[in-house]
Amino acid sequence: MKSRFQTFKLLGWLLAAGLVSGPAMAQSTATASATASATILRPITITKTSDMNFGNVVPSSAAGTVVLSPTNSRTPDGGVTIMTTQTGTVAAASFTVEGEAAATYTLLLPAADVTLASPSSAVMQVTNFTSDVGTGAGEGLLSGTASTPGTAGTQLIHVGGKLKVGTNQVAGIYTGSVSVTVAYN
């Protein structure tokens, strides 16, 4: 038979080990709350403002290129001449990007060449696309560049490229579609 002393000693040891709770340890659960929230941004959109046009170009017996900058300037190379008095319409493509003010986005330019075709089925290629996103005038950046729409959440961007003109390229009006994509970062 155990003595009272041994019983109290055992009870003290159990209390110290936390195996038996006494009046001071009556709380067995606790609760806290956090606030849940979400911010919904307005969707990002892109709309064509004007088409890309390399203007009037004269081919020769050698292939050449015409580079159209985002600021509407043209630079010929190789066997191609650009008209200086009868330029035709010369314009980089322009797009209006709208989204959440001060949000950043990525502009993706065509990664592959874009084919321009004439009614006679002759073709030319446009490649090496550039834009003025996030830079000063005349400084083109490649796709993947982040930019910040203005305080109103609207930004006008310009896209240029390089036209590859073939040897004795067939005369005519050539058209094709240049697609650009924007996405929030």
Protein backbone atom coordinates (compact mmCIF):
# COMPACT_ATOMS: atom_id res chain seq x y z
CA MET A 1 0.00 0.00 0.00
CA LYS A 2 1.27 3.39 -0.95
CA SER A 3 1.69 6.10 1.53
CA ARG A 4 0.06 9.46 1.16
CA PHE A 5 3.44 11.00 0.61
CA GLN A 6 4.08 8.74 -2.38
CA THR A 7 0.63 9.56 -3.83
CA PHE A 8 1.25 13.33 -3.57
CA LYS A 9 4.74 12.85 -4.99
CA LEU A 10 3.29 10.95 -7.98
CA LEU A 11 0.56 13.55 -8.48
CA GLY A 12 3.15 16.37 -8.38
CA TRP A 13 5.30 14.60 -10.94
CA LEU A 14 2.27 14.10 -13.27
CA LEU A 15 1.30 17.77 -12.96
CA ALA A 16 4.88 18.87 -13.72
CA ALA A 17 5.00 16.59 -16.75
CA GLY A 18 1.71 18.03 -18.01
CA LEU A 19 -0.08 14.69 -17.98
CA VAL A 20 -2.76 15.90 -15.59
CA SER A 21 -4.21 19.38 -15.90
CA GLY A 22 -5.04 21.43 -12.93
CA PRO A 23 -7.19 24.52 -12.54
CA ALA A 24 -4.48 26.83 -14.06
CA MET A 25 -4.44 24.85 -17.35
CA ALA A 26 -8.18 24.91 -18.07
CA GLN A 27 -7.91 26.46 -21.60
CA SER A 28 -7.58 23.75 -24.26
CA THR A 29 -8.30 25.77 -27.52
CA ALA A 30 -7.69 29.28 -28.87
CA THR A 31 -8.98 31.08 -31.96
CA ALA A 32 -7.64 33.98 -34.06
CA SER A 33 -9.02 35.58 -37.24
CA ALA A 34 -7.33 37.04 -40.33
CA THR A 35 -8.86 39.30 -42.97
CA ALA A 36 -9.20 37.81 -46.45
CA SER A 37 -9.01 40.22 -49.39
CA ALA A 38 -8.45 40.34 -53.15
CA THR A 39 -7.84 43.13 -55.63
CA ILE A 40 -9.45 42.75 -59.03
CA LEU A 41 -7.58 44.55 -61.82
CA ARG A 42 -9.31 45.70 -64.96
CA PRO A 43 -8.43 43.41 -67.88
CA ILE A 44 -5.55 44.45 -70.12
CA THR A 45 -6.48 45.14 -73.74
CA ILE A 46 -4.65 46.09 -76.93
CA THR A 47 -6.27 47.78 -79.92
CA LYS A 48 -4.74 48.62 -83.30
CA THR A 49 -4.48 52.36 -83.84
CA SER A 50 -2.71 52.32 -87.23
CA ASP A 51 -1.25 49.79 -89.68
CA MET A 52 2.42 49.18 -90.50
CA ASN A 53 3.41 50.54 -93.90
CA PHE A 54 6.91 50.49 -95.40
CA GLY A 55 5.92 53.03 -98.06
CA ASN A 56 7.05 52.99 -101.70
CA VAL A 57 10.04 50.70 -102.32
CA VAL A 58 11.87 50.03 -105.60
CA PRO A 59 13.58 46.61 -105.99
CA SER A 60 16.64 45.88 -108.12
CA SER A 61 18.55 42.90 -109.44
CA ALA A 62 19.89 42.33 -105.91
CA ALA A 63 17.93 41.48 -102.78
CA GLY A 64 17.70 44.08 -100.03
CA THR A 65 15.90 45.17 -96.91
CA VAL A 66 14.06 48.19 -95.54
CA VAL A 67 14.10 48.74 -91.79
CA LEU A 68 11.10 50.66 -90.46
CA SER A 69 11.73 52.04 -86.97
CA PRO A 70 9.02 52.58 -84.33
CA THR A 71 9.44 56.33 -85.05
CA ASN A 72 8.48 55.94 -88.75
CA SER A 73 11.98 56.34 -90.19
CA ARG A 74 13.14 54.00 -92.96
CA THR A 75 16.63 52.69 -93.69
CA PRO A 76 17.31 50.78 -96.93
CA ASP A 77 20.07 48.21 -97.34
CA GLY A 78 21.30 46.19 -100.31
CA GLY A 79 19.50 46.26 -103.63
CA VAL A 80 16.52 48.35 -102.66
CA THR A 81 15.72 52.05 -103.01
CA ILE A 82 13.18 53.99 -100.98
CA MET A 83 11.42 56.89 -102.63
CA THR A 84 12.17 60.25 -101.00
CA THR A 85 9.69 62.44 -102.87
CA GLN A 86 6.88 59.94 -103.44
CA THR A 87 7.26 58.04 -100.21
CA GLY A 88 3.73 56.73 -100.04
CA THR A 89 2.38 56.09 -96.57
CA VAL A 90 5.20 55.37 -94.13
CA ALA A 91 4.10 54.33 -90.64
CA ALA A 92 5.07 51.96 -87.90
CA ALA A 93 2.14 49.97 -86.57
CA SER A 94 0.63 51.58 -83.49
CA PHE A 95 -1.48 50.07 -80.75
CA THR A 96 -3.25 51.40 -77.69
CA VAL A 97 -2.71 49.34 -74.54
CA GLU A 98 -5.22 49.82 -71.74
CA GLY A 99 -5.09 48.31 -68.29
CA GLU A 100 -4.72 49.03 -64.63
CA ALA A 101 -2.90 52.34 -64.01
CA ALA A 102 0.72 51.81 -62.91
CA ALA A 103 0.59 48.05 -63.57
CA THR A 104 3.41 46.57 -65.63
CA TYR A 105 2.96 44.35 -68.64
CA THR A 106 4.96 42.43 -71.21
CA LEU A 107 4.70 43.12 -74.93
CA LEU A 108 5.29 40.08 -77.13
CA LEU A 109 6.20 40.81 -80.74
CA PRO A 110 6.03 38.18 -83.50
CA ALA A 111 8.82 35.63 -83.00
CA ALA A 112 8.55 34.27 -86.54
CA ASP A 113 8.69 36.06 -89.87
CA VAL A 114 5.40 37.50 -91.09
CA THR A 115 4.55 36.86 -94.74
CA LEU A 116 3.21 39.68 -96.89
CA ALA A 117 1.51 38.52 -100.11
CA SER A 118 0.44 40.34 -103.27
CA PRO A 119 -2.62 39.58 -105.41
CA SER A 120 -0.25 37.84 -107.84
CA SER A 121 0.82 35.46 -105.03
CA ALA A 122 4.31 36.97 -104.79
CA VAL A 123 5.54 37.17 -101.17
CA MET A 124 7.96 39.09 -98.94
CA GLN A 125 8.86 38.59 -95.29
CA VAL A 126 8.88 41.01 -92.34
CA THR A 127 11.18 40.10 -89.45
CA ASN A 128 13.21 41.67 -86.61
CA PHE A 129 10.27 43.47 -84.99
CA THR A 130 11.02 46.32 -82.58
CA SER A 131 8.93 48.58 -80.38
CA ASP A 132 9.22 51.80 -78.43
CA VAL A 133 7.82 50.35 -75.19
CA GLY A 134 9.57 51.70 -72.13
CA THR A 135 12.14 53.77 -74.04
CA GLY A 136 12.63 57.22 -75.41
CA ALA A 137 11.74 58.10 -78.98
CA GLY A 138 13.63 56.11 -81.55
CA GLU A 139 14.94 53.46 -79.19
CA GLY A 140 13.46 50.09 -80.06
CA LEU A 141 13.25 47.17 -77.66
CA LEU A 142 12.62 43.54 -78.44
CA SER A 143 9.64 41.57 -77.15
CA GLY A 144 9.43 40.68 -73.50
CA THR A 145 10.00 44.24 -72.29
CA ALA A 146 7.89 45.40 -69.40
CA SER A 147 6.34 48.84 -69.38
CA THR A 148 4.08 50.85 -67.16
CA PRO A 149 0.87 52.33 -68.54
CA GLY A 150 0.41 55.99 -67.66
CA THR A 151 -1.64 57.21 -64.73
CA ALA A 152 -4.81 56.77 -66.79
CA GLY A 153 -3.86 53.14 -67.57
CA THR A 154 -3.44 53.87 -71.30
CA GLN A 155 -0.27 53.75 -73.41
CA LEU A 156 0.33 54.16 -77.14
CA ILE A 157 3.03 51.85 -78.51
CA HIS A 158 4.67 51.68 -81.94
CA VAL A 159 6.07 48.61 -83.70
CA GLY A 160 8.53 48.54 -86.59
CA GLY A 161 10.30 45.76 -88.45
CA LYS A 162 12.58 44.75 -91.32
CA LEU A 163 11.10 44.09 -94.78
CA LYS A 164 13.03 41.57 -96.91
CA VAL A 165 12.74 42.54 -100.58
CA GLY A 166 13.67 39.85 -103.10
CA THR A 167 15.67 40.16 -106.29
CA ASN A 168 13.46 41.85 -108.92
CA GLN A 169 10.50 41.65 -106.50
CA VAL A 170 7.17 41.63 -108.38
CA ALA A 171 5.40 45.01 -108.31
CA GLY A 172 2.17 45.23 -106.34
CA ILE A 173 0.65 45.95 -102.95
CA TYR A 174 1.67 43.35 -100.38
CA THR A 175 -0.32 42.75 -97.18
CA GLY A 176 -0.13 40.51 -94.15
CA SER A 177 -1.02 40.53 -90.47
CA VAL A 178 1.35 41.51 -87.64
CA SER A 179 0.03 40.36 -84.27
CA VAL A 180 1.34 41.59 -80.93
CA THR A 181 0.29 40.39 -77.48
CA VAL A 182 0.26 42.07 -74.07
CA ALA A 183 0.00 40.39 -70.68
CA TYR A 184 0.25 41.65 -67.11
CA ASN A 185 3.48 40.73 -65.34
